[in-house]
Amino acid sequence: VPPPKDAKTRLQEWLQSQGKPLPTYELVDAIGQDHAKTFVARCQLGEQQAEGRGGSRRAAEQQAAERLHELLLGN
């Protein structure tokens, strides 16, 4: 059984199936002390965008991708 796909992969595959371009990711902020930072990332596709937060840049990007995917699906 293959491992479940992460949010960025699911979003990318869905966008490709719809014939749409891939989103861009941007690190917006890193808040807090060095040992306990919270990262804020933005995932954007055209005019649509979503932000995510996490304990790492990757986690923040994953959350942003999940939120953008939900937004694009109308959930």
PDB file of N, CA and C in Angstrom:
ATOM      1  N   VAL A   1       0.858  -1.187   0.000  1.00  0.00           N
ATOM      2  CA  VAL A   1       0.000   0.000   0.000  1.00  0.00           C
ATOM      3  C   VAL A   1       0.895   1.239   0.000  1.00  0.00           C
ATOM      4  N   PRO A   2       0.751   2.097  -0.999  1.00  0.00           N
ATOM      5  CA  PRO A   2       1.574   3.314  -1.017  1.00  0.00           C
ATOM      6  C   PRO A   2       1.154   4.264   0.100  1.00  0.00           C
ATOM      7  N   PRO A   3       2.093   5.062   0.584  1.00  0.00           N
ATOM      8  CA  PRO A   3       1.743   6.023   1.636  1.00  0.00           C
ATOM      9  C   PRO A   3       0.762   7.060   1.095  1.00  0.00           C
ATOM     10  N   PRO A   4      -0.058   7.640   1.977  1.00  0.00           N
ATOM     11  CA  PRO A   4      -1.000   8.668   1.509  1.00  0.00           C
ATOM     12  C   PRO A   4      -0.251   9.882   0.964  1.00  0.00           C
ATOM     13  N   LYS A   5      -0.840  10.515  -0.019  1.00  0.00           N
ATOM     14  CA  LYS A   5      -0.208  11.687  -0.629  1.00  0.00           C
ATOM     15  C   LYS A   5      -0.396  12.901   0.270  1.00  0.00           C
ATOM     16  N   ASP A   6       0.620  13.752   0.284  1.00  0.00           N
ATOM     17  CA  ASP A   6       0.515  14.967   1.090  1.00  0.00           C
ATOM     18  C   ASP A   6      -0.316  16.015   0.346  1.00  0.00           C
ATOM     19  N   ALA A   7      -0.656  17.081   1.058  1.00  0.00           N
ATOM     20  CA  ALA A   7      -1.560  18.106   0.527  1.00  0.00           C
ATOM     21  C   ALA A   7      -1.005  18.786  -0.722  1.00  0.00           C
ATOM     22  N   LYS A   8       0.298  19.055  -0.754  1.00  0.00           N
ATOM     23  CA  LYS A   8       0.882  19.720  -1.923  1.00  0.00           C
ATOM     24  C   LYS A   8       0.784  18.820  -3.153  1.00  0.00           C
ATOM     25  N   THR A   9       1.032  17.524  -2.967  1.00  0.00           N
ATOM     26  CA  THR A   9       0.946  16.577  -4.079  1.00  0.00           C
ATOM     27  C   THR A   9      -0.487  16.456  -4.574  1.00  0.00           C
ATOM     28  N   ARG A  10      -1.442  16.341  -3.644  1.00  0.00           N
ATOM     29  CA  ARG A  10      -2.858  16.237  -4.039  1.00  0.00           C
ATOM     30  C   ARG A  10      -3.290  17.474  -4.821  1.00  0.00           C
ATOM     31  N   LEU A  11      -2.899  18.654  -4.349  1.00  0.00           N
ATOM     32  CA  LEU A  11      -3.257  19.892  -5.041  1.00  0.00           C
ATOM     33  C   LEU A  11      -2.635  19.926  -6.431  1.00  0.00           C
ATOM     34  N   GLN A  12      -1.354  19.599  -6.528  1.00  0.00           N
ATOM     35  CA  GLN A  12      -0.658  19.626  -7.814  1.00  0.00           C
ATOM     36  C   GLN A  12      -1.313  18.664  -8.803  1.00  0.00           C
ATOM     37  N   GLU A  13      -1.613  17.442  -8.355  1.00  0.00           N
ATOM     38  CA  GLU A  13      -2.217  16.460  -9.255  1.00  0.00           C
ATOM     39  C   GLU A  13      -3.606  16.906  -9.705  1.00  0.00           C
ATOM     40  N   TRP A  14      -4.376  17.489  -8.784  1.00  0.00           N
ATOM     41  CA  TRP A  14      -5.715  17.962  -9.141  1.00  0.00           C
ATOM     42  C   TRP A  14      -5.620  19.096 -10.157  1.00  0.00           C
ATOM     43  N   LEU A  15      -4.715  20.054  -9.917  1.00  0.00           N
ATOM     44  CA  LEU A  15      -4.559  21.173 -10.846  1.00  0.00           C
ATOM     45  C   LEU A  15      -4.153  20.679 -12.231  1.00  0.00           C
ATOM     46  N   GLN A  16      -3.234  19.714 -12.277  1.00  0.00           N
ATOM     47  CA  GLN A  16      -2.802  19.173 -13.566  1.00  0.00           C
ATOM     48  C   GLN A  16      -3.969  18.495 -14.283  1.00  0.00           C
ATOM     49  N   SER A  17      -4.825  17.786 -13.526  1.00  0.00           N
ATOM     50  CA  SER A  17      -5.979  17.115 -14.134  1.00  0.00           C
ATOM     51  C   SER A  17      -6.990  18.125 -14.675  1.00  0.00           C
ATOM     52  N   GLN A  18      -6.978  19.336 -14.136  1.00  0.00           N
ATOM     53  CA  GLN A  18      -7.881  20.399 -14.577  1.00  0.00           C
ATOM     54  C   GLN A  18      -7.248  21.276 -15.663  1.00  0.00           C
ATOM     55  N   GLY A  19      -5.997  20.971 -16.021  1.00  0.00           N
ATOM     56  CA  GLY A  19      -5.301  21.761 -17.030  1.00  0.00           C
ATOM     57  C   GLY A  19      -4.897  23.138 -16.547  1.00  0.00           C
ATOM     58  N   LYS A  20      -4.714  23.265 -15.233  1.00  0.00           N
ATOM     59  CA  LYS A  20      -4.361  24.563 -14.645  1.00  0.00           C
ATOM     60  C   LYS A  20      -2.875  24.597 -14.299  1.00  0.00           C
ATOM     61  N   PRO A  21      -2.310  25.807 -14.187  1.00  0.00           N
ATOM     62  CA  PRO A  21      -0.893  25.918 -13.808  1.00  0.00           C
ATOM     63  C   PRO A  21      -0.687  25.534 -12.348  1.00  0.00           C
ATOM     64  N   LEU A  22       0.557  25.336 -11.989  1.00  0.00           N
ATOM     65  CA  LEU A  22       0.887  24.993 -10.609  1.00  0.00           C
ATOM     66  C   LEU A  22       0.902  26.248  -9.743  1.00  0.00           C
ATOM     67  N   PRO A  23       0.615  26.093  -8.463  1.00  0.00           N
ATOM     68  CA  PRO A  23       0.609  27.248  -7.566  1.00  0.00           C
ATOM     69  C   PRO A  23       2.024  27.671  -7.203  1.00  0.00           C
ATOM     70  N   THR A  24       2.125  28.852  -6.649  1.00  0.00           N
ATOM     71  CA  THR A  24       3.400  29.315  -6.109  1.00  0.00           C
ATOM     72  C   THR A  24       3.305  29.318  -4.593  1.00  0.00           C
ATOM     73  N   TYR A  25       4.443  29.122  -3.950  1.00  0.00           N
ATOM     74  CA  TYR A  25       4.522  29.129  -2.489  1.00  0.00           C
ATOM     75  C   TYR A  25       5.481  30.224  -2.067  1.00  0.00           C
ATOM     76  N   GLU A  26       5.110  30.911  -1.005  1.00  0.00           N
ATOM     77  CA  GLU A  26       5.938  32.003  -0.496  1.00  0.00           C
ATOM     78  C   GLU A  26       5.937  31.943   1.024  1.00  0.00           C
ATOM     79  N   LEU A  27       7.117  32.054   1.607  1.00  0.00           N
ATOM     80  CA  LEU A  27       7.213  32.159   3.057  1.00  0.00           C
ATOM     81  C   LEU A  27       6.895  33.602   3.420  1.00  0.00           C
ATOM     82  N   VAL A  28       5.815  33.798   4.166  1.00  0.00           N
ATOM     83  CA  VAL A  28       5.332  35.135   4.485  1.00  0.00           C
ATOM     84  C   VAL A  28       5.967  35.658   5.763  1.00  0.00           C
ATOM     85  N   ASP A  29       6.126  34.780   6.756  1.00  0.00           N
ATOM     86  CA  ASP A  29       6.620  35.229   8.055  1.00  0.00           C
ATOM     87  C   ASP A  29       7.158  34.040   8.838  1.00  0.00           C
ATOM     88  N   ALA A  30       7.992  34.340   9.804  1.00  0.00           N
ATOM     89  CA  ALA A  30       8.472  33.367  10.784  1.00  0.00           C
ATOM     90  C   ALA A  30       8.390  34.078  12.127  1.00  0.00           C
ATOM     91  N   ILE A  31       7.499  33.591  12.977  1.00  0.00           N
ATOM     92  CA  ILE A  31       7.171  34.274  14.223  1.00  0.00           C
ATOM     93  C   ILE A  31       7.739  33.495  15.402  1.00  0.00           C
ATOM     94  N   GLY A  32       8.283  34.201  16.373  1.00  0.00           N
ATOM     95  CA  GLY A  32       8.702  33.560  17.614  1.00  0.00           C
ATOM     96  C   GLY A  32      10.202  33.383  17.738  1.00  0.00           C
ATOM     97  N   GLN A  33      10.576  32.765  18.841  1.00  0.00           N
ATOM     98  CA  GLN A  33      11.983  32.501  19.151  1.00  0.00           C
ATOM     99  C   GLN A  33      12.544  31.454  18.190  1.00  0.00           C
ATOM    100  N   ASP A  34      13.861  31.441  18.036  1.00  0.00           N
ATOM    101  CA  ASP A  34      14.500  30.491  17.128  1.00  0.00           C
ATOM    102  C   ASP A  34      14.140  29.044  17.444  1.00  0.00           C
ATOM    103  N   HIS A  35      14.006  28.715  18.718  1.00  0.00           N
ATOM    104  CA  HIS A  35      13.746  27.325  19.103  1.00  0.00           C
ATOM    105  C   HIS A  35      12.266  26.951  19.013  1.00  0.00           C
ATOM    106  N   ALA A  36      11.400  27.925  18.756  1.00  0.00           N
ATOM    107  CA  ALA A  36       9.957  27.645  18.705  1.00  0.00           C
ATOM    108  C   ALA A  36       9.267  28.539  17.683  1.00  0.00           C
ATOM    109  N   LYS A  37       9.790  28.557  16.469  1.00  0.00           N
ATOM    110  CA  LYS A  37       9.223  29.417  15.429  1.00  0.00           C
ATOM    111  C   LYS A  37       7.920  28.835  14.877  1.00  0.00           C
ATOM    112  N   THR A  38       7.040  29.738  14.488  1.00  0.00           N
ATOM    113  CA  THR A  38       5.858  29.385  13.713  1.00  0.00           C
ATOM    114  C   THR A  38       6.031  30.035  12.351  1.00  0.00           C
ATOM    115  N   PHE A  39       5.978  29.222  11.318  1.00  0.00           N
ATOM    116  CA  PHE A  39       6.155  29.710   9.954  1.00  0.00           C
ATOM    117  C   PHE A  39       4.790  29.956   9.323  1.00  0.00           C
ATOM    118  N   VAL A  40       4.709  31.008   8.520  1.00  0.00           N
ATOM    119  CA  VAL A  40       3.486  31.344   7.798  1.00  0.00           C
ATOM    120  C   VAL A  40       3.827  31.311   6.311  1.00  0.00           C
ATOM    121  N   ALA A  41       3.108  30.475   5.568  1.00  0.00           N
ATOM    122  CA  ALA A  41       3.352  30.339   4.135  1.00  0.00           C
ATOM    123  C   ALA A  41       2.077  30.651   3.368  1.00  0.00           C
ATOM    124  N   ARG A  42       2.257  31.156   2.163  1.00  0.00           N
ATOM    125  CA  ARG A  42       1.125  31.458   1.283  1.00  0.00           C
ATOM    126  C   ARG A  42       1.231  30.580   0.042  1.00  0.00           C
ATOM    127  N   CYS A  43       0.101  30.021  -0.344  1.00  0.00           N
ATOM    128  CA  CYS A  43      -0.021  29.252  -1.580  1.00  0.00           C
ATOM    129  C   CYS A  43      -0.955  30.045  -2.477  1.00  0.00           C
ATOM    130  N   GLN A  44      -0.515  30.336  -3.704  1.00  0.00           N
ATOM    131  CA  GLN A  44      -1.290  31.215  -4.577  1.00  0.00           C
ATOM    132  C   GLN A  44      -1.412  30.633  -5.972  1.00  0.00           C
ATOM    133  N   LEU A  45      -2.614  30.795  -6.527  1.00  0.00           N
ATOM    134  CA  LEU A  45      -2.886  30.415  -7.911  1.00  0.00           C
ATOM    135  C   LEU A  45      -3.750  31.519  -8.502  1.00  0.00           C
ATOM    136  N   GLY A  46      -3.151  32.354  -9.319  1.00  0.00           N
ATOM    137  CA  GLY A  46      -3.880  33.495  -9.861  1.00  0.00           C
ATOM    138  C   GLY A  46      -4.319  34.420  -8.737  1.00  0.00           C
ATOM    139  N   GLU A  47      -5.611  34.729  -8.712  1.00  0.00           N
ATOM    140  CA  GLU A  47      -6.155  35.618  -7.681  1.00  0.00           C
ATOM    141  C   GLU A  47      -6.477  34.878  -6.383  1.00  0.00           C
ATOM    142  N   GLN A  48      -6.509  33.557  -6.437  1.00  0.00           N
ATOM    143  CA  GLN A  48      -6.851  32.757  -5.258  1.00  0.00           C
ATOM    144  C   GLN A  48      -5.595  32.526  -4.424  1.00  0.00           C
ATOM    145  N   GLN A  49      -5.748  32.644  -3.107  1.00  0.00           N
ATOM    146  CA  GLN A  49      -4.612  32.371  -2.234  1.00  0.00           C
ATOM    147  C   GLN A  49      -5.106  31.899  -0.881  1.00  0.00           C
ATOM    148  N   ALA A  50      -4.232  31.189  -0.189  1.00  0.00           N
ATOM    149  CA  ALA A  50      -4.530  30.720   1.163  1.00  0.00           C
ATOM    150  C   ALA A  50      -3.231  30.700   1.947  1.00  0.00           C
ATOM    151  N   GLU A  51      -3.347  30.877   3.247  1.00  0.00           N
ATOM    152  CA  GLU A  51      -2.174  30.842   4.117  1.00  0.00           C
ATOM    153  C   GLU A  51      -2.261  29.659   5.062  1.00  0.00           C
ATOM    154  N   GLY A  52      -1.089  29.195   5.460  1.00  0.00           N
ATOM    155  CA  GLY A  52      -1.003  28.120   6.433  1.00  0.00           C
ATOM    156  C   GLY A  52       0.090  28.426   7.435  1.00  0.00           C
ATOM    157  N   ARG A  53      -0.015  27.800   8.598  1.00  0.00           N
ATOM    158  CA  ARG A  53       0.981  27.972   9.657  1.00  0.00           C
ATOM    159  C   ARG A  53       1.467  26.610  10.100  1.00  0.00           C
ATOM    160  N   GLY A  54       2.717  26.577  10.549  1.00  0.00           N
ATOM    161  CA  GLY A  54       3.245  25.319  11.054  1.00  0.00           C
ATOM    162  C   GLY A  54       4.579  25.514  11.725  1.00  0.00           C
ATOM    163  N   GLY A  55       5.036  24.464  12.367  1.00  0.00           N
ATOM    164  CA  GLY A  55       6.305  24.491  13.074  1.00  0.00           C
ATOM    165  C   GLY A  55       7.511  24.421  12.155  1.00  0.00           C
ATOM    166  N   SER A  56       7.264  24.210  10.857  1.00  0.00           N
ATOM    167  CA  SER A  56       8.327  24.228   9.852  1.00  0.00           C
ATOM    168  C   SER A  56       7.761  24.877   8.591  1.00  0.00           C
ATOM    169  N   ARG A  57       8.671  25.274   7.720  1.00  0.00           N
ATOM    170  CA  ARG A  57       8.220  25.859   6.449  1.00  0.00           C
ATOM    171  C   ARG A  57       7.382  24.841   5.679  1.00  0.00           C
ATOM    172  N   ARG A  58       7.836  23.607   5.665  1.00  0.00           N
ATOM    173  CA  ARG A  58       7.118  22.537   4.955  1.00  0.00           C
ATOM    174  C   ARG A  58       5.705  22.361   5.509  1.00  0.00           C
ATOM    175  N   ALA A  59       5.574  22.331   6.831  1.00  0.00           N
ATOM    176  CA  ALA A  59       4.254  22.156   7.445  1.00  0.00           C
ATOM    177  C   ALA A  59       3.333  23.324   7.097  1.00  0.00           C
ATOM    178  N   ALA A  60       3.876  24.531   7.092  1.00  0.00           N
ATOM    179  CA  ALA A  60       3.076  25.708   6.745  1.00  0.00           C
ATOM    180  C   ALA A  60       2.632  25.644   5.284  1.00  0.00           C
ATOM    181  N   GLU A  61       3.521  25.216   4.391  1.00  0.00           N
ATOM    182  CA  GLU A  61       3.171  25.091   2.977  1.00  0.00           C
ATOM    183  C   GLU A  61       2.112  24.016   2.770  1.00  0.00           C
ATOM    184  N   GLN A  62       2.222  22.915   3.513  1.00  0.00           N
ATOM    185  CA  GLN A  62       1.232  21.839   3.401  1.00  0.00           C
ATOM    186  C   GLN A  62      -0.154  22.345   3.796  1.00  0.00           C
ATOM    187  N   GLN A  63      -0.217  23.075   4.904  1.00  0.00           N
ATOM    188  CA  GLN A  63      -1.506  23.598   5.356  1.00  0.00           C
ATOM    189  C   GLN A  63      -2.059  24.609   4.353  1.00  0.00           C
ATOM    190  N   ALA A  64      -1.200  25.451   3.814  1.00  0.00           N
ATOM    191  CA  ALA A  64      -1.638  26.429   2.815  1.00  0.00           C
ATOM    192  C   ALA A  64      -2.167  25.721   1.569  1.00  0.00           C
ATOM    193  N   ALA A  65      -1.490  24.665   1.130  1.00  0.00           N
ATOM    194  CA  ALA A  65      -1.936  23.902  -0.040  1.00  0.00           C
ATOM    195  C   ALA A  65      -3.298  23.266   0.218  1.00  0.00           C
ATOM    196  N   GLU A  66      -3.470  22.699   1.401  1.00  0.00           N
ATOM    197  CA  GLU A  66      -4.750  22.075   1.746  1.00  0.00           C
ATOM    198  C   GLU A  66      -5.879  23.112   1.738  1.00  0.00           C
ATOM    199  N   ARG A  67      -5.607  24.269   2.301  1.00  0.00           N
ATOM    200  CA  ARG A  67      -6.626  25.330   2.349  1.00  0.00           C
ATOM    201  C   ARG A  67      -6.959  25.861   0.956  1.00  0.00           C
ATOM    202  N   LEU A  68      -5.935  26.019   0.098  1.00  0.00           N
ATOM    203  CA  LEU A  68      -6.198  26.493  -1.261  1.00  0.00           C
ATOM    204  C   LEU A  68      -7.004  25.455  -2.033  1.00  0.00           C
ATOM    205  N   HIS A  69      -6.668  24.188  -1.864  1.00  0.00           N
ATOM    206  CA  HIS A  69      -7.397  23.118  -2.550  1.00  0.00           C
ATOM    207  C   HIS A  69      -8.868  23.147  -2.145  1.00  0.00           C
ATOM    208  N   GLU A  70      -9.132  23.280  -0.854  1.00  0.00           N
ATOM    209  CA  GLU A  70     -10.515  23.361  -0.372  1.00  0.00           C
ATOM    210  C   GLU A  70     -11.221  24.585  -0.958  1.00  0.00           C
ATOM    211  N   LEU A  71     -10.515  25.695  -1.024  1.00  0.00           N
ATOM    212  CA  LEU A  71     -11.082  26.921  -1.583  1.00  0.00           C
ATOM    213  C   LEU A  71     -11.450  26.721  -3.054  1.00  0.00           C
ATOM    214  N   LEU A  72     -10.553  26.104  -3.806  1.00  0.00           N
ATOM    215  CA  LEU A  72     -10.794  25.884  -5.231  1.00  0.00           C
ATOM    216  C   LEU A  72     -11.930  24.896  -5.470  1.00  0.00           C
ATOM    217  N   LEU A  73     -12.089  23.941  -4.553  1.00  0.00           N
ATOM    218  CA  LEU A  73     -13.174  22.961  -4.673  1.00  0.00           C
ATOM    219  C   LEU A  73     -14.501  23.519  -4.173  1.00  0.00           C
ATOM    220  N   GLY A  74     -14.442  24.670  -3.516  1.00  0.00           N
ATOM    221  CA  GLY A  74     -15.655  25.291  -3.006  1.00  0.00           C
ATOM    222  C   GLY A  74     -16.130  24.719  -1.693  1.00  0.00           C
ATOM    223  N   ASN A  75     -15.221  24.089  -0.941  1.00  0.00           N
ATOM    224  CA  ASN A  75     -15.584  23.511   0.369  1.00  0.00           C
ATOM    225  C   ASN A  75     -15.471  24.548   1.460  1.00  0.00           C
TER     226      ASN A  75
END
